[in-house]
C-alpha cells in the first residue's frame, strides 16, 4: 500500500515538474516601423487566454511550445505566431505589424463648363481709341518707353518660325534614326549617303510622319519609310 502511494506521488510530482518546465511567462514587444504599439490584443489561442500591450508595446503571457499567439489591432493587419523552443529559450519576442492602407472616400468628379470667350471687335476698337486719346507722346514728343499699338503686333518673328520648324524636322530625323538599324537607309532603302538628309526632309513633309512621332512603333516607322522611298525614287533628279 505504501508502495502504491509513493508511486502515485512520484507521478504527480513528475507531471508538475513537466508543467513548470514547459509552461512559462513569455515576454515580448509589438512594433510597427520601429514604433511601439499600444493596446494590441495578444491572444494565446491554444490556452484561450489574452492580454494587451502597454504604451511601450510590451506584453507578458503564459504559453508553451507550439502555442499559437494572435496579435490583433483594428488599424493593422492580423498577425499570427506559433511558438518554438527557441522562442521559449530567448523569451524576448519582437513582433512587427503592418499598417492597413487607408480607404479613401468615394470621389465625385463634376464636369465644369467654362463660358466661351467671344471676340468683340467693337470693344477692341474702343480700347484702342481710348489708348490713342490718352497717349500724350503725340503732343509732347517725349517717348515714355512703351510700345505703341503693341496689341496689334501679332506677326511671328521669322527666326522663331524657322527654329520651330527646324526642331520639328530634327525630331523626326532622330526618331527615324533611333528606330531603324544603322545600315537601314543604305542597305535596305538603297540610298546614297548624301541622299539620307534629303530623304528625311521628304518624309517629314508627309503629315503621317507626325502620327509616327505621337505613337512610336518600329514596324510602322519602317513601313512608312519603305513607302516613301518608292515615292522618293520616282522624283525627277
C-alpha atoms as a PDB file:
ATOM      1  CA  UNK A   1       0.000   0.000   0.000  1.00  0.00           C
ATOM      2  CA  UNK A   2       2.798   2.364   0.918  1.00  0.00           C
ATOM      3  CA  UNK A   3       4.455   1.495  -2.375  1.00  0.00           C
ATOM      4  CA  UNK A   4       1.359   2.437  -4.359  1.00  0.00           C
ATOM      5  CA  UNK A   5       1.008   5.782  -2.539  1.00  0.00           C
ATOM      6  CA  UNK A   6       4.662   6.575  -3.149  1.00  0.00           C
ATOM      7  CA  UNK A   7       4.303   5.664  -6.828  1.00  0.00           C
ATOM      8  CA  UNK A   8       1.281   7.927  -7.183  1.00  0.00           C
ATOM      9  CA  UNK A   9       3.046  10.865  -5.539  1.00  0.00           C
ATOM     10  CA  UNK A  10       6.062  10.424  -7.821  1.00  0.00           C
ATOM     11  CA  UNK A  11       3.826  10.587 -10.902  1.00  0.00           C
ATOM     12  CA  UNK A  12       2.088  13.739  -9.625  1.00  0.00           C
ATOM     13  CA  UNK A  13       5.412  15.437  -8.842  1.00  0.00           C
ATOM     14  CA  UNK A  14       6.809  14.482 -12.233  1.00  0.00           C
ATOM     15  CA  UNK A  15       3.780  15.959 -14.016  1.00  0.00           C
ATOM     16  CA  UNK A  16       4.125  19.154 -12.009  1.00  0.00           C
ATOM     17  CA  UNK A  17       7.815  19.395 -12.956  1.00  0.00           C
ATOM     18  CA  UNK A  18       6.994  18.898 -16.636  1.00  0.00           C
ATOM     19  CA  UNK A  19       4.285  21.541 -16.412  1.00  0.00           C
ATOM     20  CA  UNK A  20       6.667  24.001 -14.752  1.00  0.00           C
ATOM     21  CA  UNK A  21       9.350  23.385 -17.370  1.00  0.00           C
ATOM     22  CA  UNK A  22       7.228  23.862 -20.472  1.00  0.00           C
ATOM     23  CA  UNK A  23       4.635  26.459 -19.380  1.00  0.00           C
ATOM     24  CA  UNK A  24       6.205  29.837 -18.697  1.00  0.00           C
ATOM     25  CA  UNK A  25       5.576  33.548 -18.940  1.00  0.00           C
ATOM     26  CA  UNK A  26       6.549  34.833 -22.367  1.00  0.00           C
ATOM     27  CA  UNK A  27       7.682  38.450 -22.698  1.00  0.00           C
ATOM     28  CA  UNK A  28       7.640  40.394 -25.960  1.00  0.00           C
ATOM     29  CA  UNK A  29       7.178  43.672 -27.775  1.00  0.00           C
ATOM     30  CA  UNK A  30       4.906  44.695 -30.670  1.00  0.00           C
ATOM     31  CA  UNK A  31       6.190  47.290 -33.167  1.00  0.00           C
ATOM     32  CA  UNK A  32       5.221  48.948 -36.461  1.00  0.00           C
ATOM     33  CA  UNK A  33       8.071  50.632 -38.352  1.00  0.00           C
ATOM     34  CA  UNK A  34      10.104  50.554 -35.112  1.00  0.00           C
ATOM     35  CA  UNK A  35       7.297  52.359 -33.250  1.00  0.00           C
ATOM     36  CA  UNK A  36       5.791  50.620 -30.154  1.00  0.00           C
ATOM     37  CA  UNK A  37       2.078  49.814 -30.474  1.00  0.00           C
ATOM     38  CA  UNK A  38      -0.220  50.320 -27.500  1.00  0.00           C
ATOM     39  CA  UNK A  39      -3.391  48.295 -26.726  1.00  0.00           C
ATOM     40  CA  UNK A  40      -2.709  45.488 -29.205  1.00  0.00           C
ATOM     41  CA  UNK A  41      -4.682  42.334 -28.315  1.00  0.00           C
ATOM     42  CA  UNK A  42      -2.304  39.413 -27.671  1.00  0.00           C
ATOM     43  CA  UNK A  43      -4.268  36.147 -27.615  1.00  0.00           C
ATOM     44  CA  UNK A  44      -2.986  32.677 -26.769  1.00  0.00           C
ATOM     45  CA  UNK A  45      -5.384  30.729 -28.959  1.00  0.00           C
ATOM     46  CA  UNK A  46      -4.245  27.370 -27.570  1.00  0.00           C
ATOM     47  CA  UNK A  47      -4.649  28.268 -23.879  1.00  0.00           C
ATOM     48  CA  UNK A  48      -7.587  30.622 -24.557  1.00  0.00           C
ATOM     49  CA  UNK A  49      -6.013  33.499 -22.617  1.00  0.00           C
ATOM     50  CA  UNK A  50      -5.302  37.080 -23.666  1.00  0.00           C
ATOM     51  CA  UNK A  51      -3.620  40.314 -22.689  1.00  0.00           C
ATOM     52  CA  UNK A  52      -2.818  43.755 -24.124  1.00  0.00           C
ATOM     53  CA  UNK A  53       0.377  45.658 -24.866  1.00  0.00           C
ATOM     54  CA  UNK A  54       1.270  48.728 -22.807  1.00  0.00           C
ATOM     55  CA  UNK A  55       2.412  52.155 -24.027  1.00  0.00           C
ATOM     56  CA  UNK A  56       5.871  50.729 -24.736  1.00  0.00           C
ATOM     57  CA  UNK A  57       4.376  47.937 -26.838  1.00  0.00           C
ATOM     58  CA  UNK A  58       5.356  45.343 -24.219  1.00  0.00           C
ATOM     59  CA  UNK A  59       3.308  42.310 -23.171  1.00  0.00           C
ATOM     60  CA  UNK A  60       3.558  39.167 -20.991  1.00  0.00           C
ATOM     61  CA  UNK A  61       1.502  35.988 -21.371  1.00  0.00           C
ATOM     62  CA  UNK A  62       1.624  32.364 -20.202  1.00  0.00           C
ATOM     63  CA  UNK A  63       2.441  29.952 -23.017  1.00  0.00           C
ATOM     64  CA  UNK A  64       4.279  26.807 -24.007  1.00  0.00           C
ATOM     65  CA  UNK A  65       5.881  25.380 -27.133  1.00  0.00           C
ATOM     66  CA  UNK A  66       3.542  25.018 -30.146  1.00  0.00           C
ATOM     67  CA  UNK A  67       1.030  27.517 -28.692  1.00  0.00           C
ATOM     68  CA  UNK A  68      -0.422  29.935 -31.233  1.00  0.00           C
ATOM     69  CA  UNK A  69      -0.239  33.636 -30.378  1.00  0.00           C
ATOM     70  CA  UNK A  70      -2.519  36.030 -32.243  1.00  0.00           C
ATOM     71  CA  UNK A  71      -1.915  39.782 -32.463  1.00  0.00           C
ATOM     72  CA  UNK A  72      -4.871  41.978 -33.335  1.00  0.00           C
ATOM     73  CA  UNK A  73      -5.402  45.730 -33.820  1.00  0.00           C
ATOM     74  CA  UNK A  74      -8.090  47.338 -35.979  1.00  0.00           C
ATOM     75  CA  UNK A  75      -5.589  49.594 -37.798  1.00  0.00           C
ATOM     76  CA  UNK A  76      -3.087  46.820 -38.582  1.00  0.00           C
ATOM     77  CA  UNK A  77      -3.065  43.510 -40.404  1.00  0.00           C
ATOM     78  CA  UNK A  78      -3.735  40.408 -38.292  1.00  0.00           C
ATOM     79  CA  UNK A  79      -0.503  38.615 -37.224  1.00  0.00           C
ATOM     80  CA  UNK A  80      -0.014  35.029 -36.023  1.00  0.00           C
ATOM     81  CA  UNK A  81       2.996  33.402 -34.356  1.00  0.00           C
ATOM     82  CA  UNK A  82       3.480  29.740 -33.430  1.00  0.00           C
ATOM     83  CA  UNK A  83       5.901  29.451 -30.518  1.00  0.00           C
ATOM     84  CA  UNK A  84       9.036  27.336 -30.873  1.00  0.00           C
ATOM     85  CA  UNK A  85      11.539  26.072 -28.324  1.00  0.00           C
ATOM     86  CA  UNK A  86      13.855  28.865 -29.462  1.00  0.00           C
ATOM     87  CA  UNK A  87      11.179  31.447 -28.633  1.00  0.00           C
ATOM     88  CA  UNK A  88      10.776  29.983 -25.152  1.00  0.00           C
ATOM     89  CA  UNK A  89      14.532  29.912 -24.626  1.00  0.00           C
ATOM     90  CA  UNK A  90      15.161  33.518 -25.686  1.00  0.00           C
ATOM     91  CA  UNK A  91      11.907  34.768 -24.129  1.00  0.00           C
ATOM     92  CA  UNK A  92      12.153  38.107 -25.939  1.00  0.00           C
ATOM     93  CA  UNK A  93       9.649  38.137 -28.787  1.00  0.00           C
ATOM     94  CA  UNK A  94       9.604  41.033 -31.234  1.00  0.00           C
ATOM     95  CA  UNK A  95       6.503  41.163 -33.414  1.00  0.00           C
ATOM     96  CA  UNK A  96       6.247  43.583 -36.354  1.00  0.00           C
ATOM     97  CA  UNK A  97       2.787  44.545 -37.572  1.00  0.00           C
ATOM     98  CA  UNK A  98       1.911  46.198 -40.898  1.00  0.00           C
ATOM     99  CA  UNK A  99      -0.481  49.118 -41.012  1.00  0.00           C
ATOM    100  CA  UNK A 100      -3.543  48.806 -43.241  1.00  0.00           C
ATOM    101  CA  UNK A 101      -3.806  51.096 -46.251  1.00  0.00           C
ATOM    102  CA  UNK A 102      -6.285  53.896 -45.657  1.00  0.00           C
ATOM    103  CA  UNK A 103      -9.503  53.555 -47.632  1.00  0.00           C
ATOM    104  CA  UNK A 104     -10.408  56.754 -49.442  1.00  0.00           C
ATOM    105  CA  UNK A 105     -13.949  58.022 -49.511  1.00  0.00           C
ATOM    106  CA  UNK A 106     -15.733  57.997 -52.842  1.00  0.00           C
ATOM    107  CA  UNK A 107     -14.643  60.911 -55.018  1.00  0.00           C
ATOM    108  CA  UNK A 108     -17.201  62.527 -57.289  1.00  0.00           C
ATOM    109  CA  UNK A 109     -15.812  64.329 -60.332  1.00  0.00           C
ATOM    110  CA  UNK A 110     -18.041  67.028 -61.707  1.00  0.00           C
ATOM    111  CA  UNK A 111     -17.554  68.355 -65.213  1.00  0.00           C
ATOM    112  CA  UNK A 112     -17.228  72.131 -65.218  1.00  0.00           C
ATOM    113  CA  UNK A 113     -18.067  74.082 -68.330  1.00  0.00           C
ATOM    114  CA  UNK A 114     -16.365  77.423 -68.718  1.00  0.00           C
ATOM    115  CA  UNK A 115     -18.024  80.280 -70.513  1.00  0.00           C
ATOM    116  CA  UNK A 116     -16.757  80.625 -74.057  1.00  0.00           C
ATOM    117  CA  UNK A 117     -14.657  83.730 -74.645  1.00  0.00           C
ATOM    118  CA  UNK A 118     -16.057  85.693 -77.545  1.00  0.00           C
ATOM    119  CA  UNK A 119     -14.208  88.262 -79.600  1.00  0.00           C
ATOM    120  CA  UNK A 120     -15.881  91.687 -79.618  1.00  0.00           C
ATOM    121  CA  UNK A 121     -14.406  93.875 -82.371  1.00  0.00           C
ATOM    122  CA  UNK A 122     -16.244  96.977 -81.136  1.00  0.00           C
ATOM    123  CA  UNK A 123     -14.797  96.631 -77.630  1.00  0.00           C
ATOM    124  CA  UNK A 124     -11.286  96.193 -79.036  1.00  0.00           C
ATOM    125  CA  UNK A 125     -11.647  99.321 -81.181  1.00  0.00           C
ATOM    126  CA  UNK A 126     -12.987 101.225 -78.177  1.00  0.00           C
ATOM    127  CA  UNK A 127      -9.953 100.223 -76.084  1.00  0.00           C
ATOM    128  CA  UNK A 128      -7.544 101.198 -78.872  1.00  0.00           C
ATOM    129  CA  UNK A 129      -9.284 104.572 -79.325  1.00  0.00           C
ATOM    130  CA  UNK A 130      -9.064 105.267 -75.597  1.00  0.00           C
ATOM    131  CA  UNK A 131      -5.354 104.425 -75.615  1.00  0.00           C
ATOM    132  CA  UNK A 132      -4.782 106.746 -78.551  1.00  0.00           C
ATOM    133  CA  UNK A 133      -6.729 109.557 -76.888  1.00  0.00           C
ATOM    134  CA  UNK A 134      -4.762 109.180 -73.634  1.00  0.00           C
ATOM    135  CA  UNK A 135      -1.369 108.931 -75.359  1.00  0.00           C
ATOM    136  CA  UNK A 136       0.385 112.241 -74.651  1.00  0.00           C
ATOM    137  CA  UNK A 137       3.501 111.391 -76.656  1.00  0.00           C
ATOM    138  CA  UNK A 138       1.945 112.699 -79.850  1.00  0.00           C
ATOM    139  CA  UNK A 139       1.555 116.110 -78.164  1.00  0.00           C
ATOM    140  CA  UNK A 140       4.762 116.253 -76.077  1.00  0.00           C
ATOM    141  CA  UNK A 141       7.080 114.295 -78.381  1.00  0.00           C
ATOM    142  CA  UNK A 142       8.558 112.538 -75.327  1.00  0.00           C
ATOM    143  CA  UNK A 143       8.855 108.733 -75.507  1.00  0.00           C
ATOM    144  CA  UNK A 144       7.943 107.073 -72.199  1.00  0.00           C
ATOM    145  CA  UNK A 145       9.403 103.688 -73.235  1.00  0.00           C
ATOM    146  CA  UNK A 146       6.108 101.997 -74.080  1.00  0.00           C
ATOM    147  CA  UNK A 147       5.486 100.221 -77.398  1.00  0.00           C
ATOM    148  CA  UNK A 148       2.607 101.942 -79.079  1.00  0.00           C
ATOM    149  CA  UNK A 149      -0.114  99.695 -80.559  1.00  0.00           C
ATOM    150  CA  UNK A 150       1.582  96.621 -79.063  1.00  0.00           C
ATOM    151  CA  UNK A 151      -1.730  94.754 -79.015  1.00  0.00           C
ATOM    152  CA  UNK A 152      -1.861  94.889 -82.817  1.00  0.00           C
ATOM    153  CA  UNK A 153       1.589  93.352 -83.302  1.00  0.00           C
ATOM    154  CA  UNK A 154       0.753  89.709 -83.900  1.00  0.00           C
ATOM    155  CA  UNK A 155       3.286  88.739 -86.582  1.00  0.00           C
ATOM    156  CA  UNK A 156       5.601  85.844 -85.604  1.00  0.00           C
ATOM    157  CA  UNK A 157       9.299  86.505 -85.936  1.00  0.00           C
ATOM    158  CA  UNK A 158      10.896  84.730 -88.876  1.00  0.00           C
ATOM    159  CA  UNK A 159      13.758  83.414 -86.752  1.00  0.00           C
ATOM    160  CA  UNK A 160      11.389  81.807 -84.238  1.00  0.00           C
ATOM    161  CA  UNK A 161       9.351  80.208 -87.009  1.00  0.00           C
ATOM    162  CA  UNK A 162      12.421  78.732 -88.659  1.00  0.00           C
ATOM    163  CA  UNK A 163      13.742  77.491 -85.346  1.00  0.00           C
ATOM    164  CA  UNK A 164      10.444  75.771 -84.547  1.00  0.00           C
ATOM    165  CA  UNK A 165      10.344  74.127 -87.995  1.00  0.00           C
ATOM    166  CA  UNK A 166      13.959  73.023 -87.669  1.00  0.00           C
ATOM    167  CA  UNK A 167      13.275  71.431 -84.277  1.00  0.00           C
ATOM    168  CA  UNK A 168      10.312  69.519 -85.732  1.00  0.00           C
ATOM    169  CA  UNK A 169      12.397  68.258 -88.677  1.00  0.00           C
ATOM    170  CA  UNK A 170      15.219  67.323 -86.344  1.00  0.00           C
ATOM    171  CA  UNK A 171      12.807  65.455 -84.087  1.00  0.00           C
ATOM    172  CA  UNK A 172      11.570  63.251 -86.936  1.00  0.00           C
ATOM    173  CA  UNK A 173      15.126  62.645 -88.101  1.00  0.00           C
ATOM    174  CA  UNK A 174      16.139  61.490 -84.616  1.00  0.00           C
ATOM    175  CA  UNK A 175      13.046  59.288 -84.437  1.00  0.00           C
ATOM    176  CA  UNK A 176      13.758  57.547 -87.760  1.00  0.00           C
ATOM    177  CA  UNK A 177      17.452  57.116 -86.947  1.00  0.00           C
ATOM    178  CA  UNK A 178      16.734  55.702 -83.486  1.00  0.00           C
ATOM    179  CA  UNK A 179      14.099  53.199 -84.627  1.00  0.00           C
ATOM    180  CA  UNK A 180      15.996  51.861 -87.678  1.00  0.00           C
ATOM    181  CA  UNK A 181      19.321  49.973 -87.851  1.00  0.00           C
ATOM    182  CA  UNK A 182      22.409  51.988 -88.801  1.00  0.00           C
ATOM    183  CA  UNK A 183      22.620  50.487 -92.327  1.00  0.00           C
ATOM    184  CA  UNK A 184      18.858  50.562 -92.996  1.00  0.00           C
ATOM    185  CA  UNK A 185      18.975  53.606 -95.293  1.00  0.00           C
ATOM    186  CA  UNK A 186      21.894  52.406 -97.410  1.00  0.00           C
ATOM    187  CA  UNK A 187      21.316  48.626 -97.386  1.00  0.00           C
ATOM    188  CA  UNK A 188      17.517  48.325 -97.323  1.00  0.00           C
ATOM    189  CA  UNK A 189      16.409  51.566 -98.962  1.00  0.00           C
ATOM    190  CA  UNK A 190      19.404  51.677-101.351  1.00  0.00           C
ATOM    191  CA  UNK A 191      20.025  55.373-100.672  1.00  0.00           C
ATOM    192  CA  UNK A 192      23.363  57.091-101.109  1.00  0.00           C
ATOM    193  CA  UNK A 193      24.899  58.638 -98.006  1.00  0.00           C
ATOM    194  CA  UNK A 194      24.267  62.164 -99.315  1.00  0.00           C
ATOM    195  CA  UNK A 195      20.590  61.368-100.028  1.00  0.00           C
ATOM    196  CA  UNK A 196      19.666  60.476 -96.450  1.00  0.00           C
ATOM    197  CA  UNK A 197      19.113  64.060 -95.223  1.00  0.00           C
ATOM    198  CA  UNK A 198      17.043  64.979 -98.295  1.00  0.00           C
ATOM    199  CA  UNK A 199      15.011  61.791 -97.949  1.00  0.00           C
ATOM    200  CA  UNK A 200      14.195  62.516 -94.297  1.00  0.00           C
ATOM    201  CA  UNK A 201      13.040  66.034 -95.205  1.00  0.00           C
ATOM    202  CA  UNK A 202      10.851  64.498 -97.924  1.00  0.00           C
ATOM    203  CA  UNK A 203       9.330  62.129 -95.332  1.00  0.00           C
ATOM    204  CA  UNK A 204       8.805  64.939 -92.861  1.00  0.00           C
ATOM    205  CA  UNK A 205       6.640  66.810 -95.362  1.00  0.00           C
ATOM    206  CA  UNK A 206       4.106  63.975 -95.177  1.00  0.00           C
ATOM    207  CA  UNK A 207       1.550  64.605 -92.366  1.00  0.00           C
ATOM    208  CA  UNK A 208       1.690  60.909 -91.488  1.00  0.00           C
ATOM    209  CA  UNK A 209       5.188  61.425 -90.090  1.00  0.00           C
ATOM    210  CA  UNK A 210       3.625  63.467 -87.248  1.00  0.00           C
ATOM    211  CA  UNK A 211       1.486  60.450 -86.330  1.00  0.00           C
ATOM    212  CA  UNK A 212       4.618  58.320 -86.044  1.00  0.00           C
ATOM    213  CA  UNK A 213       6.055  60.841 -83.602  1.00  0.00           C
ATOM    214  CA  UNK A 214       2.928  60.690 -81.467  1.00  0.00           C
ATOM    215  CA  UNK A 215       2.739  56.865 -81.445  1.00  0.00           C
ATOM    216  CA  UNK A 216       6.282  55.470 -81.948  1.00  0.00           C
ATOM    217  CA  UNK A 217       6.427  51.970 -83.417  1.00  0.00           C
ATOM    218  CA  UNK A 218       9.411  50.398 -85.169  1.00  0.00           C
ATOM    219  CA  UNK A 219       7.371  48.364 -87.691  1.00  0.00           C
ATOM    220  CA  UNK A 220       5.114  51.303 -88.562  1.00  0.00           C
ATOM    221  CA  UNK A 221       8.162  53.545 -88.990  1.00  0.00           C
ATOM    222  CA  UNK A 222       9.898  51.100 -91.355  1.00  0.00           C
ATOM    223  CA  UNK A 223       6.724  50.565 -93.400  1.00  0.00           C
ATOM    224  CA  UNK A 224       6.335  54.313 -93.741  1.00  0.00           C
ATOM    225  CA  UNK A 225       9.967  54.747 -94.853  1.00  0.00           C
ATOM    226  CA  UNK A 226       9.673  51.917 -97.407  1.00  0.00           C
ATOM    227  CA  UNK A 227       6.545  53.515 -98.899  1.00  0.00           C
ATOM    228  CA  UNK A 228       8.105  56.990 -99.001  1.00  0.00           C
ATOM    229  CA  UNK A 229      11.252  55.549-100.573  1.00  0.00           C
ATOM    230  CA  UNK A 230       9.219  54.333-103.565  1.00  0.00           C
ATOM    231  CA  UNK A 231       7.830  57.854-103.991  1.00  0.00           C
ATOM    232  CA  UNK A 232      11.268  59.366-103.476  1.00  0.00           C
ATOM    233  CA  UNK A 233      12.787  57.257-106.278  1.00  0.00           C
ATOM    234  CA  UNK A 234      10.120  58.469-108.728  1.00  0.00           C
ATOM    235  CA  UNK A 235      11.101  62.107-108.227  1.00  0.00           C
ATOM    236  CA  UNK A 236      12.967  63.665-111.123  1.00  0.00           C
ATOM    237  CA  UNK A 237      16.615  64.421-110.297  1.00  0.00           C
END
